[in-house]
Amino acid sequence: MGLLAGTIFDRPPHCDRCGVPESDCRCPPAIAKTHFLAPDRQTARLSTEKRKKGKLVTVIKGLSATDNDFPALLTILKNHCGAGGTIDGDEIEIQGDQTAKLIKILGQIGYKVR
């Protein structure tokens, strides 16, 4: 007799949609959204904002969070700038005054920049 015998952890995992064991499930796989708006059809607006204690943050606005892969774009921008950053709603924030670097990399990706 196993340690988890008779508990909920002893049972095989079940499908969330139909409730049968996953080995017997015939549900189609969930489709992730892979269709995003092309970069050349979007305009990124860059601005620099001053935060607490005089820290500067470069903010990218004008891009839709649903039409872009924000986590992947944020990773590319952070690596190119060598700085930290975050996603805040429909905005991407990069630490520091990175305007020149961001104009260059966003242009290479294909975005229109203002």
PDB file of N, CA and C in Angstrom:
ATOM      1  N   MET A   1       0.846  -1.165   0.000  1.00  0.00           N
ATOM      2  CA  MET A   1       0.000   0.000   0.000  1.00  0.00           C
ATOM      3  C   MET A   1       0.889   1.225   0.000  1.00  0.00           C
ATOM      4  N   GLY A   2       0.624   2.162  -0.894  1.00  0.00           N
ATOM      5  CA  GLY A   2       1.430   3.368  -1.035  1.00  0.00           C
ATOM      6  C   GLY A   2       1.060   4.431  -0.019  1.00  0.00           C
ATOM      7  N   LEU A   3       1.916   5.402   0.093  1.00  0.00           N
ATOM      8  CA  LEU A   3       1.718   6.495   1.032  1.00  0.00           C
ATOM      9  C   LEU A   3       0.454   7.296   0.718  1.00  0.00           C
ATOM     10  N   LEU A   4       0.158   7.489  -0.573  1.00  0.00           N
ATOM     11  CA  LEU A   4      -0.988   8.301  -0.977  1.00  0.00           C
ATOM     12  C   LEU A   4      -2.210   7.473  -1.374  1.00  0.00           C
ATOM     13  N   ALA A   5      -2.160   6.163  -1.114  1.00  0.00           N
ATOM     14  CA  ALA A   5      -3.262   5.288  -1.509  1.00  0.00           C
ATOM     15  C   ALA A   5      -4.550   5.712  -0.799  1.00  0.00           C
ATOM     16  N   GLY A   6      -5.605   5.875  -1.575  1.00  0.00           N
ATOM     17  CA  GLY A   6      -6.887   6.243  -1.021  1.00  0.00           C
ATOM     18  C   GLY A   6      -7.100   7.744  -0.892  1.00  0.00           C
ATOM     19  N   THR A   7      -6.116   8.561  -1.226  1.00  0.00           N
ATOM     20  CA  THR A   7      -6.263  10.012  -1.170  1.00  0.00           C
ATOM     21  C   THR A   7      -6.516  10.542  -2.568  1.00  0.00           C
ATOM     22  N   ILE A   8      -6.799  11.846  -2.667  1.00  0.00           N
ATOM     23  CA  ILE A   8      -7.048  12.430  -3.992  1.00  0.00           C
ATOM     24  C   ILE A   8      -5.788  12.450  -4.838  1.00  0.00           C
ATOM     25  N   PHE A   9      -4.630  12.349  -4.213  1.00  0.00           N
ATOM     26  CA  PHE A   9      -3.375  12.375  -4.969  1.00  0.00           C
ATOM     27  C   PHE A   9      -3.046  11.015  -5.568  1.00  0.00           C
ATOM     28  N   ASP A  10      -3.767   9.969  -5.173  1.00  0.00           N
ATOM     29  CA  ASP A  10      -3.547   8.621  -5.692  1.00  0.00           C
ATOM     30  C   ASP A  10      -4.273   8.420  -7.014  1.00  0.00           C
ATOM     31  N   ARG A  11      -5.205   9.290  -7.325  1.00  0.00           N
ATOM     32  CA  ARG A  11      -6.007   9.152  -8.534  1.00  0.00           C
ATOM     33  C   ARG A  11      -5.303   9.808  -9.724  1.00  0.00           C
ATOM     34  N   PRO A  12      -5.517   9.279 -10.909  1.00  0.00           N
ATOM     35  CA  PRO A  12      -4.912   9.912 -12.087  1.00  0.00           C
ATOM     36  C   PRO A  12      -5.553  11.274 -12.350  1.00  0.00           C
ATOM     37  N   PRO A  13      -4.829  12.185 -12.977  1.00  0.00           N
ATOM     38  CA  PRO A  13      -5.403  13.515 -13.256  1.00  0.00           C
ATOM     39  C   PRO A  13      -6.573  13.413 -14.233  1.00  0.00           C
ATOM     40  N   HIS A  14      -7.557  14.305 -14.046  1.00  0.00           N
ATOM     41  CA  HIS A  14      -8.756  14.332 -14.885  1.00  0.00           C
ATOM     42  C   HIS A  14      -8.793  15.604 -15.726  1.00  0.00           C
ATOM     43  N   CYS A  15      -9.472  15.514 -16.861  1.00  0.00           N
ATOM     44  CA  CYS A  15      -9.655  16.658 -17.753  1.00  0.00           C
ATOM     45  C   CYS A  15     -10.580  17.679 -17.094  1.00  0.00           C
ATOM     46  N   ASP A  16     -10.246  18.957 -17.199  1.00  0.00           N
ATOM     47  CA  ASP A  16     -11.064  20.018 -16.611  1.00  0.00           C
ATOM     48  C   ASP A  16     -12.386  20.209 -17.354  1.00  0.00           C
ATOM     49  N   ARG A  17     -12.401  19.891 -18.645  1.00  0.00           N
ATOM     50  CA  ARG A  17     -13.605  20.140 -19.442  1.00  0.00           C
ATOM     51  C   ARG A  17     -14.605  18.997 -19.386  1.00  0.00           C
ATOM     52  N   CYS A  18     -14.136  17.742 -19.554  1.00  0.00           N
ATOM     53  CA  CYS A  18     -15.092  16.627 -19.624  1.00  0.00           C
ATOM     54  C   CYS A  18     -15.104  15.761 -18.374  1.00  0.00           C
ATOM     55  N   GLY A  19     -14.083  15.832 -17.531  1.00  0.00           N
ATOM     56  CA  GLY A  19     -14.073  15.113 -16.268  1.00  0.00           C
ATOM     57  C   GLY A  19     -13.557  13.694 -16.320  1.00  0.00           C
ATOM     58  N   VAL A  20     -13.206  13.172 -17.483  1.00  0.00           N
ATOM     59  CA  VAL A  20     -12.663  11.815 -17.576  1.00  0.00           C
ATOM     60  C   VAL A  20     -11.155  11.862 -17.350  1.00  0.00           C
ATOM     61  N   PRO A  21     -10.526  10.706 -17.037  1.00  0.00           N
ATOM     62  CA  PRO A  21      -9.067  10.703 -16.872  1.00  0.00           C
ATOM     63  C   PRO A  21      -8.371  11.225 -18.135  1.00  0.00           C
ATOM     64  N   GLU A  22      -7.251  11.916 -17.937  1.00  0.00           N
ATOM     65  CA  GLU A  22      -6.569  12.535 -19.075  1.00  0.00           C
ATOM     66  C   GLU A  22      -6.126  11.520 -20.113  1.00  0.00           C
ATOM     67  N   SER A  23      -5.840  10.291 -19.713  1.00  0.00           N
ATOM     68  CA  SER A  23      -5.433   9.269 -20.676  1.00  0.00           C
ATOM     69  C   SER A  23      -6.579   8.879 -21.616  1.00  0.00           C
ATOM     70  N   ASP A  24      -7.833   9.052 -21.176  1.00  0.00           N
ATOM     71  CA  ASP A  24      -9.000   8.702 -21.991  1.00  0.00           C
ATOM     72  C   ASP A  24      -9.676   9.914 -22.627  1.00  0.00           C
ATOM     73  N   CYS A  25      -9.228  11.097 -22.321  1.00  0.00           N
ATOM     74  CA  CYS A  25      -9.866  12.325 -22.801  1.00  0.00           C
ATOM     75  C   CYS A  25      -9.702  12.491 -24.313  1.00  0.00           C
ATOM     76  N   ARG A  26     -10.775  12.923 -24.975  1.00  0.00           N
ATOM     77  CA  ARG A  26     -10.754  13.160 -26.422  1.00  0.00           C
ATOM     78  C   ARG A  26     -11.031  14.629 -26.754  1.00  0.00           C
ATOM     79  N   CYS A  27     -10.943  15.497 -25.765  1.00  0.00           N
ATOM     80  CA  CYS A  27     -11.176  16.927 -25.999  1.00  0.00           C
ATOM     81  C   CYS A  27     -10.047  17.502 -26.853  1.00  0.00           C
ATOM     82  N   PRO A  28     -10.363  18.444 -27.752  1.00  0.00           N
ATOM     83  CA  PRO A  28      -9.295  19.065 -28.531  1.00  0.00           C
ATOM     84  C   PRO A  28      -8.428  19.932 -27.615  1.00  0.00           C
ATOM     85  N   PRO A  29      -7.152  20.056 -27.924  1.00  0.00           N
ATOM     86  CA  PRO A  29      -6.283  20.870 -27.075  1.00  0.00           C
ATOM     87  C   PRO A  29      -6.692  22.339 -27.113  1.00  0.00           C
ATOM     88  N   ALA A  30      -6.438  23.028 -26.014  1.00  0.00           N
ATOM     89  CA  ALA A  30      -6.752  24.458 -25.946  1.00  0.00           C
ATOM     90  C   ALA A  30      -5.855  25.205 -26.921  1.00  0.00           C
ATOM     91  N   ILE A  31      -6.449  26.141 -27.627  1.00  0.00           N
ATOM     92  CA  ILE A  31      -5.705  26.893 -28.633  1.00  0.00           C
ATOM     93  C   ILE A  31      -5.270  28.213 -28.028  1.00  0.00           C
ATOM     94  N   ALA A  32      -3.959  28.424 -27.989  1.00  0.00           N
ATOM     95  CA  ALA A  32      -3.426  29.685 -27.482  1.00  0.00           C
ATOM     96  C   ALA A  32      -3.428  30.707 -28.616  1.00  0.00           C
ATOM     97  N   LYS A  33      -3.591  31.977 -28.261  1.00  0.00           N
ATOM     98  CA  LYS A  33      -3.605  33.023 -29.274  1.00  0.00           C
ATOM     99  C   LYS A  33      -2.188  33.239 -29.794  1.00  0.00           C
ATOM    100  N   THR A  34      -1.983  32.953 -31.063  1.00  0.00           N
ATOM    101  CA  THR A  34      -0.669  33.143 -31.667  1.00  0.00           C
ATOM    102  C   THR A  34      -0.712  34.203 -32.755  1.00  0.00           C
ATOM    103  N   HIS A  35      -1.898  34.759 -33.026  1.00  0.00           N
ATOM    104  CA  HIS A  35      -2.030  35.760 -34.073  1.00  0.00           C
ATOM    105  C   HIS A  35      -1.991  37.139 -33.433  1.00  0.00           C
ATOM    106  N   PHE A  36      -0.908  37.859 -33.712  1.00  0.00           N
ATOM    107  CA  PHE A  36      -0.743  39.203 -33.177  1.00  0.00           C
ATOM    108  C   PHE A  36      -0.697  40.191 -34.325  1.00  0.00           C
ATOM    109  N   LEU A  37      -0.973  41.441 -34.021  1.00  0.00           N
ATOM    110  CA  LEU A  37      -0.935  42.514 -35.008  1.00  0.00           C
ATOM    111  C   LEU A  37       0.509  42.758 -35.431  1.00  0.00           C
ATOM    112  N   ALA A  38       0.734  42.958 -36.721  1.00  0.00           N
ATOM    113  CA  ALA A  38       2.089  43.164 -37.238  1.00  0.00           C
ATOM    114  C   ALA A  38       2.693  44.451 -36.673  1.00  0.00           C
ATOM    115  N   PRO A  39       3.994  44.428 -36.342  1.00  0.00           N
ATOM    116  CA  PRO A  39       4.637  45.619 -35.772  1.00  0.00           C
ATOM    117  C   PRO A  39       4.579  46.844 -36.682  1.00  0.00           C
ATOM    118  N   ASP A  40       4.630  46.657 -38.004  1.00  0.00           N
ATOM    119  CA  ASP A  40       4.640  47.809 -38.912  1.00  0.00           C
ATOM    120  C   ASP A  40       3.288  48.519 -38.971  1.00  0.00           C
ATOM    121  N   ARG A  41       2.250  47.930 -38.368  1.00  0.00           N
ATOM    122  CA  ARG A  41       0.930  48.562 -38.332  1.00  0.00           C
ATOM    123  C   ARG A  41       0.643  49.236 -36.989  1.00  0.00           C
ATOM    124  N   GLN A  42       1.680  49.349 -36.137  1.00  0.00           N
ATOM    125  CA  GLN A  42       1.512  49.931 -34.814  1.00  0.00           C
ATOM    126  C   GLN A  42       2.521  51.053 -34.592  1.00  0.00           C
ATOM    127  N   THR A  43       2.160  51.999 -33.755  1.00  0.00           N
ATOM    128  CA  THR A  43       3.047  53.107 -33.420  1.00  0.00           C
ATOM    129  C   THR A  43       3.291  53.105 -31.922  1.00  0.00           C
ATOM    130  N   ALA A  44       4.559  53.023 -31.554  1.00  0.00           N
ATOM    131  CA  ALA A  44       4.943  53.071 -30.146  1.00  0.00           C
ATOM    132  C   ALA A  44       5.291  54.515 -29.795  1.00  0.00           C
ATOM    133  N   ARG A  45       4.756  54.986 -28.707  1.00  0.00           N
ATOM    134  CA  ARG A  45       5.029  56.342 -28.236  1.00  0.00           C
ATOM    135  C   ARG A  45       5.913  56.254 -26.999  1.00  0.00           C
ATOM    136  N   LEU A  46       7.083  56.883 -27.080  1.00  0.00           N
ATOM    137  CA  LEU A  46       8.049  56.836 -25.989  1.00  0.00           C
ATOM    138  C   LEU A  46       7.998  58.131 -25.191  1.00  0.00           C
ATOM    139  N   SER A  47       8.110  58.000 -23.891  1.00  0.00           N
ATOM    140  CA  SER A  47       8.207  59.168 -23.022  1.00  0.00           C
ATOM    141  C   SER A  47       9.057  58.789 -21.819  1.00  0.00           C
ATOM    142  N   THR A  48       9.611  59.804 -21.181  1.00  0.00           N
ATOM    143  CA  THR A  48      10.412  59.595 -19.986  1.00  0.00           C
ATOM    144  C   THR A  48       9.691  60.244 -18.820  1.00  0.00           C
ATOM    145  N   GLU A  49       9.535  59.500 -17.748  1.00  0.00           N
ATOM    146  CA  GLU A  49       8.849  60.008 -16.566  1.00  0.00           C
ATOM    147  C   GLU A  49       9.784  59.948 -15.374  1.00  0.00           C
ATOM    148  N   LYS A  50       9.623  60.907 -14.489  1.00  0.00           N
ATOM    149  CA  LYS A  50      10.410  60.934 -13.272  1.00  0.00           C
ATOM    150  C   LYS A  50       9.578  60.311 -12.158  1.00  0.00           C
ATOM    151  N   ARG A  51      10.180  59.384 -11.435  1.00  0.00           N
ATOM    152  CA  ARG A  51       9.500  58.687 -10.351  1.00  0.00           C
ATOM    153  C   ARG A  51      10.043  59.134  -8.994  1.00  0.00           C
ATOM    154  N   LYS A  52       9.687  58.422  -7.971  1.00  0.00           N
ATOM    155  CA  LYS A  52      10.132  58.751  -6.625  1.00  0.00           C
ATOM    156  C   LYS A  52      11.658  58.813  -6.565  1.00  0.00           C
ATOM    157  N   LYS A  53      12.144  59.698  -5.741  1.00  0.00           N
ATOM    158  CA  LYS A  53      13.573  59.864  -5.484  1.00  0.00           C
ATOM    159  C   LYS A  53      14.357  60.212  -6.742  1.00  0.00           C
ATOM    160  N   GLY A  54      13.699  60.815  -7.733  1.00  0.00           N
ATOM    161  CA  GLY A  54      14.375  61.292  -8.934  1.00  0.00           C
ATOM    162  C   GLY A  54      14.735  60.232  -9.954  1.00  0.00           C
ATOM    163  N   LYS A  55      14.217  59.021  -9.827  1.00  0.00           N
ATOM    164  CA  LYS A  55      14.519  57.941 -10.772  1.00  0.00           C
ATOM    165  C   LYS A  55      13.776  58.174 -12.083  1.00  0.00           C
ATOM    166  N   LEU A  56      14.448  57.915 -13.197  1.00  0.00           N
ATOM    167  CA  LEU A  56      13.831  58.063 -14.513  1.00  0.00           C
ATOM    168  C   LEU A  56      13.370  56.706 -15.028  1.00  0.00           C
ATOM    169  N   VAL A  57      12.240  56.718 -15.717  1.00  0.00           N
ATOM    170  CA  VAL A  57      11.684  55.520 -16.327  1.00  0.00           C
ATOM    171  C   VAL A  57      11.255  55.880 -17.742  1.00  0.00           C
ATOM    172  N   THR A  58      11.625  55.051 -18.711  1.00  0.00           N
ATOM    173  CA  THR A  58      11.175  55.244 -20.089  1.00  0.00           C
ATOM    174  C   THR A  58       9.913  54.406 -20.282  1.00  0.00           C
ATOM    175  N   VAL A  59       8.836  55.050 -20.730  1.00  0.00           N
ATOM    176  CA  VAL A  59       7.538  54.394 -20.860  1.00  0.00           C
ATOM    177  C   VAL A  59       7.188  54.266 -22.340  1.00  0.00           C
ATOM    178  N   ILE A  60       6.775  53.066 -22.738  1.00  0.00           N
ATOM    179  CA  ILE A  60       6.330  52.803 -24.103  1.00  0.00           C
ATOM    180  C   ILE A  60       4.819  52.666 -24.063  1.00  0.00           C
ATOM    181  N   LYS A  61       4.129  53.579 -24.741  1.00  0.00           N
ATOM    182  CA  LYS A  61       2.663  53.587 -24.779  1.00  0.00           C
ATOM    183  C   LYS A  61       2.199  53.408 -26.224  1.00  0.00           C
ATOM    184  N   GLY A  62       0.917  53.216 -26.395  1.00  0.00           N
ATOM    185  CA  GLY A  62       0.337  53.154 -27.732  1.00  0.00           C
ATOM    186  C   GLY A  62       0.267  51.766 -28.327  1.00  0.00           C
ATOM    187  N   LEU A  63       0.753  50.752 -27.608  1.00  0.00           N
ATOM    188  CA  LEU A  63       0.671  49.382 -28.093  1.00  0.00           C
ATOM    189  C   LEU A  63      -0.409  48.660 -27.307  1.00  0.00           C
ATOM    190  N   SER A  64      -1.186  47.832 -27.987  1.00  0.00           N
ATOM    191  CA  SER A  64      -2.260  47.093 -27.329  1.00  0.00           C
ATOM    192  C   SER A  64      -1.708  45.809 -26.712  1.00  0.00           C
ATOM    193  N   ALA A  65      -2.066  45.562 -25.464  1.00  0.00           N
ATOM    194  CA  ALA A  65      -1.588  44.360 -24.776  1.00  0.00           C
ATOM    195  C   ALA A  65      -2.177  43.091 -25.380  1.00  0.00           C
ATOM    196  N   THR A  66      -3.362  43.180 -25.970  1.00  0.00           N
ATOM    197  CA  THR A  66      -3.990  41.989 -26.541  1.00  0.00           C
ATOM    198  C   THR A  66      -3.474  41.676 -27.944  1.00  0.00           C
ATOM    199  N   ASP A  67      -2.938  42.679 -28.643  1.00  0.00           N
ATOM    200  CA  ASP A  67      -2.445  42.465 -30.002  1.00  0.00           C
ATOM    201  C   ASP A  67      -0.945  42.249 -30.068  1.00  0.00           C
ATOM    202  N   ASN A  68      -0.268  42.197 -28.918  1.00  0.00           N
ATOM    203  CA  ASN A  68       1.176  42.012 -28.859  1.00  0.00           C
ATOM    204  C   ASN A  68       1.517  40.962 -27.821  1.00  0.00           C
ATOM    205  N   ASP A  69       2.689  40.373 -27.976  1.00  0.00           N
ATOM    206  CA  ASP A  69       3.224  39.465 -26.972  1.00  0.00           C
ATOM    207  C   ASP A  69       4.119  40.286 -26.054  1.00  0.00           C
ATOM    208  N   PHE A  70       3.495  40.987 -25.080  1.00  0.00           N
ATOM    209  CA  PHE A  70       4.229  41.906 -24.209  1.00  0.00           C
ATOM    210  C   PHE A  70       5.364  41.236 -23.437  1.00  0.00           C
ATOM    211  N   PRO A  71       5.193  40.040 -22.853  1.00  0.00           N
ATOM    212  CA  PRO A  71       6.320  39.448 -22.124  1.00  0.00           C
ATOM    213  C   PRO A  71       7.543  39.202 -23.004  1.00  0.00           C
ATOM    214  N   ALA A  72       7.344  38.737 -24.224  1.00  0.00           N
ATOM    215  CA  ALA A  72       8.475  38.499 -25.125  1.00  0.00           C
ATOM    216  C   ALA A  72       9.117  39.822 -25.553  1.00  0.00           C
ATOM    217  N   LEU A  73       8.291  40.831 -25.847  1.00  0.00           N
ATOM    218  CA  LEU A  73       8.810  42.140 -26.234  1.00  0.00           C
ATOM    219  C   LEU A  73       9.580  42.772 -25.079  1.00  0.00           C
ATOM    220  N   LEU A  74       9.064  42.647 -23.867  1.00  0.00           N
ATOM    221  CA  LEU A  74       9.749  43.191 -22.699  1.00  0.00           C
ATOM    222  C   LEU A  74      11.111  42.540 -22.514  1.00  0.00           C
ATOM    223  N   THR A  75      11.199  41.243 -22.699  1.00  0.00           N
ATOM    224  CA  THR A  75      12.469  40.543 -22.566  1.00  0.00           C
ATOM    225  C   THR A  75      13.484  41.046 -23.584  1.00  0.00           C
ATOM    226  N   ILE A  76      13.063  41.236 -24.820  1.00  0.00           N
ATOM    227  CA  ILE A  76      13.957  41.742 -25.859  1.00  0.00           C
ATOM    228  C   ILE A  76      14.452  43.132 -25.502  1.00  0.00           C
ATOM    229  N   LEU A  77      13.550  44.006 -25.078  1.00  0.00           N
ATOM    230  CA  LEU A  77      13.922  45.382 -24.765  1.00  0.00           C
ATOM    231  C   LEU A  77      14.833  45.454 -23.545  1.00  0.00           C
ATOM    232  N   LYS A  78      14.553  44.681 -22.515  1.00  0.00           N
ATOM    233  CA  LYS A  78      15.393  44.680 -21.316  1.00  0.00           C
ATOM    234  C   LYS A  78      16.791  44.176 -21.637  1.00  0.00           C
ATOM    235  N   ASN A  79      16.901  43.130 -22.442  1.00  0.00           N
ATOM    236  CA  ASN A  79      18.213  42.605 -22.804  1.00  0.00           C
ATOM    237  C   ASN A  79      18.998  43.593 -23.649  1.00  0.00           C
ATOM    238  N   HIS A  80      18.319  44.280 -24.562  1.00  0.00           N
ATOM    239  CA  HIS A  80      18.999  45.247 -25.425  1.00  0.00           C
ATOM    240  C   HIS A  80      19.489  46.458 -24.624  1.00  0.00           C
ATOM    241  N   CYS A  81      18.701  46.897 -23.650  1.00  0.00           N
ATOM    242  CA  CYS A  81      19.050  48.079 -22.866  1.00  0.00           C
ATOM    243  C   CYS A  81      19.942  47.753 -21.669  1.00  0.00           C
ATOM    244  N   GLY A  82      19.943  46.512 -21.245  1.00  0.00           N
ATOM    245  CA  GLY A  82      20.704  46.149 -20.062  1.00  0.00           C
ATOM    246  C   GLY A  82      20.102  46.763 -18.810  1.00  0.00           C
ATOM    247  N   ALA A  83      18.786  46.816 -18.749  1.00  0.00           N
ATOM    248  CA  ALA A  83      18.094  47.438 -17.627  1.00  0.00           C
ATOM    249  C   ALA A  83      16.875  46.605 -17.266  1.00  0.00           C
ATOM    250  N   GLY A  84      16.299  46.887 -16.109  1.00  0.00           N
ATOM    251  CA  GLY A  84      15.085  46.212 -15.686  1.00  0.00           C
ATOM    252  C   GLY A  84      13.866  46.850 -16.313  1.00  0.00           C
ATOM    253  N   GLY A  85      12.753  46.200 -16.170  1.00  0.00           N
ATOM    254  CA  GLY A  85      11.521  46.749 -16.715  1.00  0.00           C
ATOM    255  C   GLY A  85      10.327  45.952 -16.262  1.00  0.00           C
ATOM    256  N   THR A  86       9.153  46.464 -16.568  1.00  0.00           N
ATOM    257  CA  THR A  86       7.916  45.805 -16.173  1.00  0.00           C
ATOM    258  C   THR A  86       6.795  46.155 -17.144  1.00  0.00           C
ATOM    259  N   ILE A  87       5.713  45.398 -17.044  1.00  0.00           N
ATOM    260  CA  ILE A  87       4.504  45.664 -17.817  1.00  0.00           C
ATOM    261  C   ILE A  87       3.482  46.234 -16.852  1.00  0.00           C
ATOM    262  N   ASP A  88       2.904  47.372 -17.202  1.00  0.00           N
ATOM    263  CA  ASP A  88       1.909  48.025 -16.355  1.00  0.00           C
ATOM    264  C   ASP A  88       0.682  48.321 -17.207  1.00  0.00           C
ATOM    265  N   GLY A  89      -0.231  47.351 -17.281  1.00  0.00           N
ATOM    266  CA  GLY A  89      -1.436  47.516 -18.101  1.00  0.00           C
ATOM    267  C   GLY A  89      -1.073  47.486 -19.580  1.00  0.00           C
ATOM    268  N   ASP A  90      -1.329  48.589 -20.279  1.00  0.00           N
ATOM    269  CA  ASP A  90      -0.993  48.700 -21.701  1.00  0.00           C
ATOM    270  C   ASP A  90       0.323  49.436 -21.917  1.00  0.00           C
ATOM    271  N   GLU A  91       1.138  49.538 -20.893  1.00  0.00           N
ATOM    272  CA  GLU A  91       2.416  50.242 -20.993  1.00  0.00           C
ATOM    273  C   GLU A  91       3.555  49.305 -20.635  1.00  0.00           C
ATOM    274  N   ILE A  92       4.692  49.540 -21.263  1.00  0.00           N
ATOM    275  CA  ILE A  92       5.928  48.852 -20.902  1.00  0.00           C
ATOM    276  C   ILE A  92       6.853  49.897 -20.320  1.00  0.00           C
ATOM    277  N   GLU A  93       7.416  49.610 -19.152  1.00  0.00           N
ATOM    278  CA  GLU A  93       8.312  50.547 -18.493  1.00  0.00           C
ATOM    279  C   GLU A  93       9.709  49.944 -18.436  1.00  0.00           C
ATOM    280  N   ILE A  94      10.697  50.721 -18.848  1.00  0.00           N
ATOM    281  CA  ILE A  94      12.102  50.320 -18.795  1.00  0.00           C
ATOM    282  C   ILE A  94      12.821  51.291 -17.878  1.00  0.00           C
ATOM    283  N   GLN A  95      13.613  50.779 -16.956  1.00  0.00           N
ATOM    284  CA  GLN A  95      14.299  51.630 -15.999  1.00  0.00           C
ATOM    285  C   GLN A  95      15.358  52.482 -16.681  1.00  0.00           C
ATOM    286  N   GLY A  96      15.429  53.757 -16.284  1.00  0.00           N
ATOM    287  CA  GLY A  96      16.438  54.671 -16.807  1.00  0.00           C
ATOM    288  C   GLY A  96      15.959  55.404 -18.042  1.00  0.00           C
ATOM    289  N   ASP A  97      16.805  56.329 -18.512  1.00  0.00           N
ATOM    290  CA  ASP A  97      16.508  57.073 -19.737  1.00  0.00           C
ATOM    291  C   ASP A  97      17.076  56.284 -20.906  1.00  0.00           C
ATOM    292  N   GLN A  98      16.271  55.407 -21.481  1.00  0.00           N
ATOM    293  CA  GLN A  98      16.694  54.492 -22.549  1.00  0.00           C
ATOM    294  C   GLN A  98      16.074  54.861 -23.895  1.00  0.00           C
ATOM    295  N   THR A  99      15.689  56.107 -24.066  1.00  0.00           N
ATOM    296  CA  THR A  99      14.939  56.513 -25.256  1.00  0.00           C
ATOM    297  C   THR A  99      15.680  56.207 -26.550  1.00  0.00           C
ATOM    298  N   ALA A 100      16.962  56.565 -26.631  1.00  0.00           N
ATOM    299  CA  ALA A 100      17.716  56.359 -27.871  1.00  0.00           C
ATOM    300  C   ALA A 100      17.848  54.879 -28.211  1.00  0.00           C
ATOM    301  N   LYS A 101      18.141  54.052 -27.221  1.00  0.00           N
ATOM    302  CA  LYS A 101      18.278  52.613 -27.464  1.00  0.00           C
ATOM    303  C   LYS A 101      16.952  51.992 -27.882  1.00  0.00           C
ATOM    304  N   LEU A 102      15.863  52.445 -27.241  1.00  0.00           N
ATOM    305  CA  LEU A 102      14.554  51.883 -27.558  1.00  0.00           C
ATOM    306  C   LEU A 102      14.084  52.287 -28.952  1.00  0.00           C
ATOM    307  N   ILE A 103      14.375  53.519 -29.355  1.00  0.00           N
ATOM    308  CA  ILE A 103      14.027  53.944 -30.719  1.00  0.00           C
ATOM    309  C   ILE A 103      14.725  53.046 -31.728  1.00  0.00           C
ATOM    310  N   LYS A 104      15.985  52.747 -31.479  1.00  0.00           N
ATOM    311  CA  LYS A 104      16.769  51.918 -32.402  1.00  0.00           C
ATOM    312  C   LYS A 104      16.219  50.489 -32.475  1.00  0.00           C
ATOM    313  N   ILE A 105      16.010  49.842 -31.328  1.00  0.00           N
ATOM    314  CA  ILE A 105      15.581  48.445 -31.331  1.00  0.00           C
ATOM    315  C   ILE A 105      14.135  48.292 -31.800  1.00  0.00           C
ATOM    316  N   LEU A 106      13.257  49.206 -31.416  1.00  0.00           N
ATOM    317  CA  LEU A 106      11.871  49.119 -31.888  1.00  0.00           C
ATOM    318  C   LEU A 106      11.790  49.339 -33.393  1.00  0.00           C
ATOM    319  N   GLY A 107      12.640  50.222 -33.923  1.00  0.00           N
ATOM    320  CA  GLY A 107      12.698  50.424 -35.368  1.00  0.00           C
ATOM    321  C   GLY A 107      13.188  49.181 -36.095  1.00  0.00           C
ATOM    322  N   GLN A 108      14.168  48.489 -35.508  1.00  0.00           N
ATOM    323  CA  GLN A 108      14.671  47.253 -36.119  1.00  0.00           C
ATOM    324  C   GLN A 108      13.614  46.145 -36.111  1.00  0.00           C
ATOM    325  N   ILE A 109      12.817  46.103 -35.048  1.00  0.00           N
ATOM    326  CA  ILE A 109      11.744  45.113 -34.972  1.00  0.00           C
ATOM    327  C   ILE A 109      10.658  45.415 -35.994  1.00  0.00           C
ATOM    328  N   GLY A 110      10.443  46.700 -36.277  1.00  0.00           N
ATOM    329  CA  GLY A 110       9.447  47.081 -37.279  1.00  0.00           C
ATOM    330  C   GLY A 110       8.393  48.045 -36.795  1.00  0.00           C
ATOM    331  N   TYR A 111       8.453  48.460 -35.555  1.00  0.00           N
ATOM    332  CA  TYR A 111       7.468  49.405 -35.016  1.00  0.00           C
ATOM    333  C   TYR A 111       7.764  50.812 -35.505  1.00  0.00           C
ATOM    334  N   LYS A 112       6.704  51.597 -35.704  1.00  0.00           N
ATOM    335  CA  LYS A 112       6.849  53.028 -35.937  1.00  0.00           C
ATOM    336  C   LYS A 112       7.019  53.658 -34.561  1.00  0.00           C
ATOM    337  N   VAL A 113       7.936  54.604 -34.418  1.00  0.00           N
ATOM    338  CA  VAL A 113       8.232  55.181 -33.113  1.00  0.00           C
ATOM    339  C   VAL A 113       8.032  56.674 -33.159  1.00  0.00           C
ATOM    340  N   ARG A 114       7.375  57.216 -32.151  1.00  0.00           N
ATOM    341  CA  ARG A 114       7.211  58.662 -31.998  1.00  0.00           C
ATOM    342  C   ARG A 114       7.712  59.066 -30.643  1.00  0.00           C
TER     343      ARG A 114
END
